[in-house]
C-alpha atoms as a PDB file:
ATOM      1  CA  MET A   1     -17.238 -11.224  -9.918  1.00  0.00           C
ATOM      2  CA  PRO A   2     -17.143  -7.655  -8.644  1.00  0.00           C
ATOM      3  CA  TYR A   3     -13.314  -7.559  -8.793  1.00  0.00           C
ATOM      4  CA  THR A   4     -10.694  -8.676 -11.211  1.00  0.00           C
ATOM      5  CA  VAL A   5      -7.765  -9.895  -9.112  1.00  0.00           C
ATOM      6  CA  ILE A   6      -4.316  -9.368 -10.634  1.00  0.00           C
ATOM      7  CA  PRO A   7      -1.377 -11.155  -8.982  1.00  0.00           C
ATOM      8  CA  THR A   8       1.875  -9.211  -8.623  1.00  0.00           C
ATOM      9  CA  ALA A   9       5.512 -10.339  -8.619  1.00  0.00           C
ATOM     10  CA  LEU A  10       5.204 -10.762  -4.831  1.00  0.00           C
ATOM     11  CA  PRO A  11       2.899 -13.656  -3.938  1.00  0.00           C
ATOM     12  CA  GLY A  12       0.136 -12.423  -1.654  1.00  0.00           C
ATOM     13  CA  VAL A  13       0.243  -8.816  -2.850  1.00  0.00           C
ATOM     14  CA  LEU A  14      -2.783  -8.364  -5.106  1.00  0.00           C
ATOM     15  CA  ILE A  15      -4.157  -5.645  -7.360  1.00  0.00           C
ATOM     16  CA  LEU A  16      -7.934  -5.507  -7.357  1.00  0.00           C
ATOM     17  CA  GLU A  17      -9.842  -3.866 -10.194  1.00  0.00           C
ATOM     18  CA  PRO A  18     -13.480  -3.296  -9.303  1.00  0.00           C
ATOM     19  CA  LYS A  19     -16.273  -3.382 -11.829  1.00  0.00           C
ATOM     20  CA  VAL A  20     -17.186   0.246 -12.420  1.00  0.00           C
ATOM     21  CA  PHE A  21     -20.612   1.188 -13.759  1.00  0.00           C
ATOM     22  CA  GLY A  22     -20.618   4.536 -15.505  1.00  0.00           C
ATOM     23  CA  ASP A  23     -22.834   6.717 -17.606  1.00  0.00           C
ATOM     24  CA  ALA A  24     -23.305  10.423 -18.362  1.00  0.00           C
ATOM     25  CA  ARG A  25     -24.061  11.071 -14.673  1.00  0.00           C
ATOM     26  CA  GLY A  26     -20.770   9.642 -13.393  1.00  0.00           C
ATOM     27  CA  PHE A  27     -19.914   6.222 -12.003  1.00  0.00           C
ATOM     28  CA  PHE A  28     -20.649   3.746  -9.226  1.00  0.00           C
ATOM     29  CA  PHE A  29     -18.702   0.820  -7.810  1.00  0.00           C
ATOM     30  CA  GLU A  30     -18.566  -1.132  -4.584  1.00  0.00           C
ATOM     31  CA  SER A  31     -15.217  -0.228  -3.065  1.00  0.00           C
ATOM     32  CA  PHE A  32     -15.487  -3.046  -0.534  1.00  0.00           C
ATOM     33  CA  ASN A  33     -17.756  -5.999   0.116  1.00  0.00           C
ATOM     34  CA  ALA A  34     -16.450  -8.568   2.626  1.00  0.00           C
ATOM     35  CA  ARG A  35     -18.158 -11.557   1.004  1.00  0.00           C
ATOM     36  CA  ASP A  36     -16.953 -10.662  -2.504  1.00  0.00           C
ATOM     37  CA  PHE A  37     -13.440  -9.821  -1.281  1.00  0.00           C
ATOM     38  CA  ALA A  38     -13.161 -13.248   0.366  1.00  0.00           C
ATOM     39  CA  GLN A  39     -14.573 -15.020  -2.690  1.00  0.00           C
ATOM     40  CA  CYS A  40     -12.292 -13.223  -5.166  1.00  0.00           C
ATOM     41  CA  THR A  41      -9.069 -13.352  -3.148  1.00  0.00           C
ATOM     42  CA  GLY A  42      -9.514 -16.463  -1.008  1.00  0.00           C
ATOM     43  CA  LEU A  43      -8.692 -14.307   2.027  1.00  0.00           C
ATOM     44  CA  ASP A  44     -10.752 -14.229   5.189  1.00  0.00           C
ATOM     45  CA  VAL A  45      -9.751 -10.944   6.815  1.00  0.00           C
ATOM     46  CA  GLN A  46     -11.475  -8.582   9.183  1.00  0.00           C
ATOM     47  CA  PHE A  47     -10.803  -4.878   8.841  1.00  0.00           C
ATOM     48  CA  VAL A  48     -10.818  -2.872  12.070  1.00  0.00           C
ATOM     49  CA  GLN A  49      -9.718   0.616  11.045  1.00  0.00           C
ATOM     50  CA  ASP A  50     -10.072   2.977   8.064  1.00  0.00           C
ATOM     51  CA  ASN A  51      -7.497   5.717   7.419  1.00  0.00           C
ATOM     52  CA  HIS A  52      -7.576   8.703   5.054  1.00  0.00           C
ATOM     53  CA  SER A  53      -4.676  10.963   4.094  1.00  0.00           C
ATOM     54  CA  LYS A  54      -4.313  13.929   1.784  1.00  0.00           C
ATOM     55  CA  SER A  55      -0.924  14.801   0.336  1.00  0.00           C
ATOM     56  CA  ALA A  56       0.632  17.181  -2.186  1.00  0.00           C
ATOM     57  CA  ARG A  57       2.732  16.227  -5.227  1.00  0.00           C
ATOM     58  CA  GLY A  58       6.056  14.708  -4.242  1.00  0.00           C
ATOM     59  CA  VAL A  59       5.024  13.683  -0.725  1.00  0.00           C
ATOM     60  CA  LEU A  60       6.381  10.246   0.072  1.00  0.00           C
ATOM     61  CA  ARG A  61       4.863   8.343   2.990  1.00  0.00           C
ATOM     62  CA  GLY A  62       6.585   5.164   4.087  1.00  0.00           C
ATOM     63  CA  LEU A  63       7.849   2.594   4.043  1.00  0.00           C
ATOM     64  CA  HIS A  64       5.827   1.735   7.171  1.00  0.00           C
ATOM     65  CA  TYR A  65       5.061  -1.477   9.020  1.00  0.00           C
ATOM     66  CA  GLN A  66       4.292  -2.665  12.547  1.00  0.00           C
ATOM     67  CA  ILE A  67       6.681  -5.267  13.932  1.00  0.00           C
ATOM     68  CA  GLN A  68       4.055  -6.372  16.466  1.00  0.00           C
ATOM     69  CA  HIS A  69       0.382  -6.245  15.505  1.00  0.00           C
ATOM     70  CA  PRO A  70       1.254  -6.385  11.787  1.00  0.00           C
ATOM     71  CA  GLN A  71      -1.401  -4.891   9.562  1.00  0.00           C
ATOM     72  CA  GLY A  72      -2.842  -6.109   6.308  1.00  0.00           C
ATOM     73  CA  LYS A  73      -3.872  -3.085   4.241  1.00  0.00           C
ATOM     74  CA  LEU A  74      -6.363  -2.607   1.431  1.00  0.00           C
ATOM     75  CA  VAL A  75      -5.405   0.711  -0.147  1.00  0.00           C
ATOM     76  CA  ARG A  76      -6.928   2.972  -2.801  1.00  0.00           C
ATOM     77  CA  VAL A  77      -6.888   6.532  -4.113  1.00  0.00           C
ATOM     78  CA  THR A  78     -10.021   8.690  -4.326  1.00  0.00           C
ATOM     79  CA  GLN A  79      -8.372  11.811  -5.752  1.00  0.00           C
ATOM     80  CA  GLY A  80      -5.214  12.074  -7.838  1.00  0.00           C
ATOM     81  CA  GLU A  81      -2.576   9.406  -8.366  1.00  0.00           C
ATOM     82  CA  VAL A  82       0.138   7.678  -6.350  1.00  0.00           C
ATOM     83  CA  PHE A  83       2.863   5.155  -6.978  1.00  0.00           C
ATOM     84  CA  ASP A  84       2.225   2.546  -4.289  1.00  0.00           C
ATOM     85  CA  VAL A  85       4.897   0.144  -3.011  1.00  0.00           C
ATOM     86  CA  ALA A  86       4.970  -3.039  -0.913  1.00  0.00           C
ATOM     87  CA  VAL A  87       8.212  -4.615   0.360  1.00  0.00           C
ATOM     88  CA  ASP A  88       8.398  -8.204   1.622  1.00  0.00           C
ATOM     89  CA  LEU A  89       9.888  -8.190   5.143  1.00  0.00           C
ATOM     90  CA  ARG A  90       9.348 -11.870   5.954  1.00  0.00           C
ATOM     91  CA  ARG A  91      12.868 -13.276   6.421  1.00  0.00           C
ATOM     92  CA  SER A  92      11.575 -16.803   5.657  1.00  0.00           C
ATOM     93  CA  SER A  93      10.171 -15.676   2.293  1.00  0.00           C
ATOM     94  CA  PRO A  94      12.086 -16.347  -0.949  1.00  0.00           C
ATOM     95  CA  GLN A  95      11.104 -12.765  -1.883  1.00  0.00           C
ATOM     96  CA  PHE A  96      12.534 -11.190   1.299  1.00  0.00           C
ATOM     97  CA  GLY A  97      13.625  -7.610   0.579  1.00  0.00           C
ATOM     98  CA  ARG A  98      11.928  -7.478  -2.822  1.00  0.00           C
ATOM     99  CA  TRP A  99       9.385  -4.838  -3.712  1.00  0.00           C
ATOM    100  CA  VAL A 100       6.499  -4.331  -6.092  1.00  0.00           C
ATOM    101  CA  GLY A 101       4.953  -1.025  -7.148  1.00  0.00           C
ATOM    102  CA  THR A 102       1.851   0.033  -9.032  1.00  0.00           C
ATOM    103  CA  LEU A 103      -0.017   3.199  -9.947  1.00  0.00           C
ATOM    104  CA  LEU A 104      -3.239   3.693  -8.043  1.00  0.00           C
ATOM    105  CA  SER A 105      -5.491   6.545  -9.076  1.00  0.00           C
ATOM    106  CA  ALA A 106      -8.964   7.988  -8.823  1.00  0.00           C
ATOM    107  CA  ASP A 107      -9.286   7.238 -12.532  1.00  0.00           C
ATOM    108  CA  ASN A 108      -8.232   3.575 -12.550  1.00  0.00           C
ATOM    109  CA  HIS A 109     -10.083   2.749  -9.270  1.00  0.00           C
ATOM    110  CA  ARG A 110      -7.520   0.044  -8.546  1.00  0.00           C
ATOM    111  CA  GLN A 111      -6.860  -1.163  -5.014  1.00  0.00           C
ATOM    112  CA  LEU A 112      -3.828  -2.940  -3.618  1.00  0.00           C
ATOM    113  CA  TRP A 113      -3.922  -5.640  -0.961  1.00  0.00           C
ATOM    114  CA  VAL A 114      -0.735  -5.526   1.136  1.00  0.00           C
ATOM    115  CA  PRO A 115      -0.612  -8.514   3.517  1.00  0.00           C
ATOM    116  CA  PRO A 116       0.820  -8.451   7.044  1.00  0.00           C
ATOM    117  CA  GLY A 117       4.607  -8.898   6.949  1.00  0.00           C
ATOM    118  CA  PHE A 118       5.144  -6.226   4.302  1.00  0.00           C
ATOM    119  CA  ALA A 119       6.264  -2.609   4.519  1.00  0.00           C
ATOM    120  CA  HIS A 120       4.070  -0.157   2.635  1.00  0.00           C
ATOM    121  CA  GLY A 121       4.490   3.327   1.222  1.00  0.00           C
ATOM    122  CA  PHE A 122       3.555   5.631  -1.608  1.00  0.00           C
ATOM    123  CA  VAL A 123       4.596   8.796  -3.398  1.00  0.00           C
ATOM    124  CA  VAL A 124       2.111  11.268  -4.871  1.00  0.00           C
ATOM    125  CA  THR A 125       2.591  11.654  -8.642  1.00  0.00           C
ATOM    126  CA  SER A 126      -0.282  14.090  -9.308  1.00  0.00           C
ATOM    127  CA  ASP A 127      -0.810  17.632  -7.989  1.00  0.00           C
ATOM    128  CA  GLY A 128      -2.366  16.095  -4.898  1.00  0.00           C
ATOM    129  CA  ALA A 129      -3.920  12.829  -3.782  1.00  0.00           C
ATOM    130  CA  GLU A 130      -6.372  11.494  -1.251  1.00  0.00           C
ATOM    131  CA  PHE A 131      -5.496   8.016  -0.081  1.00  0.00           C
ATOM    132  CA  LEU A 132      -7.810   5.647   1.824  1.00  0.00           C
ATOM    133  CA  TYR A 133      -6.947   2.348   3.401  1.00  0.00           C
ATOM    134  CA  LYS A 134      -8.450  -0.329   5.565  1.00  0.00           C
ATOM    135  CA  THR A 135      -6.295  -2.191   8.101  1.00  0.00           C
ATOM    136  CA  THR A 136      -6.619  -5.590   9.744  1.00  0.00           C
ATOM    137  CA  ASP A 137      -5.176  -4.378  13.046  1.00  0.00           C
ATOM    138  CA  TYR A 138      -5.104  -1.111  14.922  1.00  0.00           C
ATOM    139  CA  TRP A 139      -2.274   1.416  14.774  1.00  0.00           C
ATOM    140  CA  TYR A 140       0.160   1.028  17.651  1.00  0.00           C
ATOM    141  CA  PRO A 141       2.734   3.839  17.419  1.00  0.00           C
ATOM    142  CA  GLU A 142       5.127   2.015  19.745  1.00  0.00           C
ATOM    143  CA  HIS A 143       5.304  -0.891  17.258  1.00  0.00           C
ATOM    144  CA  GLU A 144       5.533   1.183  14.084  1.00  0.00           C
ATOM    145  CA  ARG A 145       8.755   0.866  12.131  1.00  0.00           C
ATOM    146  CA  CYS A 146       9.976   2.514   8.961  1.00  0.00           C
ATOM    147  CA  LEU A 147      12.348   1.350   6.233  1.00  0.00           C
ATOM    148  CA  LEU A 148      14.410   4.040   4.552  1.00  0.00           C
ATOM    149  CA  TRP A 149      12.583   4.869   1.336  1.00  0.00           C
ATOM    150  CA  ASN A 150      15.799   5.046  -0.743  1.00  0.00           C
ATOM    151  CA  ASP A 151      17.740   2.123   0.740  1.00  0.00           C
ATOM    152  CA  PRO A 152      20.009   0.897  -2.090  1.00  0.00           C
ATOM    153  CA  ALA A 153      19.497  -2.686  -0.896  1.00  0.00           C
ATOM    154  CA  LEU A 154      15.813  -2.337  -1.785  1.00  0.00           C
ATOM    155  CA  GLY A 155      16.315  -0.397  -5.004  1.00  0.00           C
ATOM    156  CA  VAL A 156      12.744   0.921  -5.179  1.00  0.00           C
ATOM    157  CA  GLN A 157      12.347   2.809  -8.459  1.00  0.00           C
ATOM    158  CA  TRP A 158      10.274   5.742  -7.219  1.00  0.00           C
ATOM    159  CA  PRO A 159       8.981   7.943 -10.087  1.00  0.00           C
ATOM    160  CA  LEU A 160      10.523  11.140  -8.693  1.00  0.00           C
ATOM    161  CA  GLN A 161      11.813  14.203 -10.533  1.00  0.00           C
ATOM    162  CA  THR A 162      13.140  15.844  -7.347  1.00  0.00           C
ATOM    163  CA  SER A 163      13.721  14.866  -3.731  1.00  0.00           C
ATOM    164  CA  PRO A 164      10.478  13.843  -2.028  1.00  0.00           C
ATOM    165  CA  GLN A 165       8.804  15.647   0.841  1.00  0.00           C
ATOM    166  CA  LEU A 166       9.224  13.422   3.889  1.00  0.00           C
ATOM    167  CA  ALA A 167       8.037  13.327   7.474  1.00  0.00           C
ATOM    168  CA  ALA A 168      10.882  13.243  10.011  1.00  0.00           C
ATOM    169  CA  LYS A 169      10.154   9.581  10.830  1.00  0.00           C
ATOM    170  CA  ASP A 170      10.372   8.639   7.149  1.00  0.00           C
ATOM    171  CA  ALA A 171      13.649  10.534   6.634  1.00  0.00           C
ATOM    172  CA  ALA A 172      15.027   8.592   9.637  1.00  0.00           C
ATOM    173  CA  GLY A 173      13.923   5.178   8.360  1.00  0.00           C
ATOM    174  CA  LYS A 174      16.198   2.174   8.844  1.00  0.00           C
ATOM    175  CA  LEU A 175      18.169   0.382   6.187  1.00  0.00           C
ATOM    176  CA  LEU A 176      16.921  -3.151   5.556  1.00  0.00           C
ATOM    177  CA  ALA A 177      20.168  -4.532   7.012  1.00  0.00           C
ATOM    178  CA  GLN A 178      19.426  -2.822  10.370  1.00  0.00           C
ATOM    179  CA  ALA A 179      15.623  -3.064  10.371  1.00  0.00           C
ATOM    180  CA  GLU A 180      13.539  -5.317  12.567  1.00  0.00           C
ATOM    181  CA  VAL A 181      11.814  -7.776  10.257  1.00  0.00           C
ATOM    182  CA  PHE A 182       9.410 -10.699  10.468  1.00  0.00           C
ATOM    183  CA  ASP A 183      10.488 -14.345  10.811  1.00  0.00           C
END
């Protein structure tokens, strides 16, 4: 198998470790192969958009989701390191409002699958990071929502030494109690 799939505390959220082939010249790995992804995860998804961001240390992006046109996301880091978080926003789920976080880095090559129905965000823990992700639906700004990154009801344990750098929309995120969520 080209990936080792590691379940997380939230069913459906998966860590994928690719097989990396390295030697004195560097390394090679397949970052995505639809057939192998489906075989390893049991998921039949179609990705329609790739996104790429670059951020400095302490930048926190999220916790984002789309209330209509929800996106599944396959995320990874190509430079630096981030602490990546998924929050279950499916009211019918026994894990509603719970979160899981993991370190993704250029060195560990790990990827995280965040299914539709979850909010997603990350904070940069290295000097800088480049973050790539595939989505299963397009970005619709009118449907984008944001949970407040430090909502006490969520209790996300962000690895921060100081206050994060936030976009205005992230600073104005909603508390879980007031947020639109999934059924």
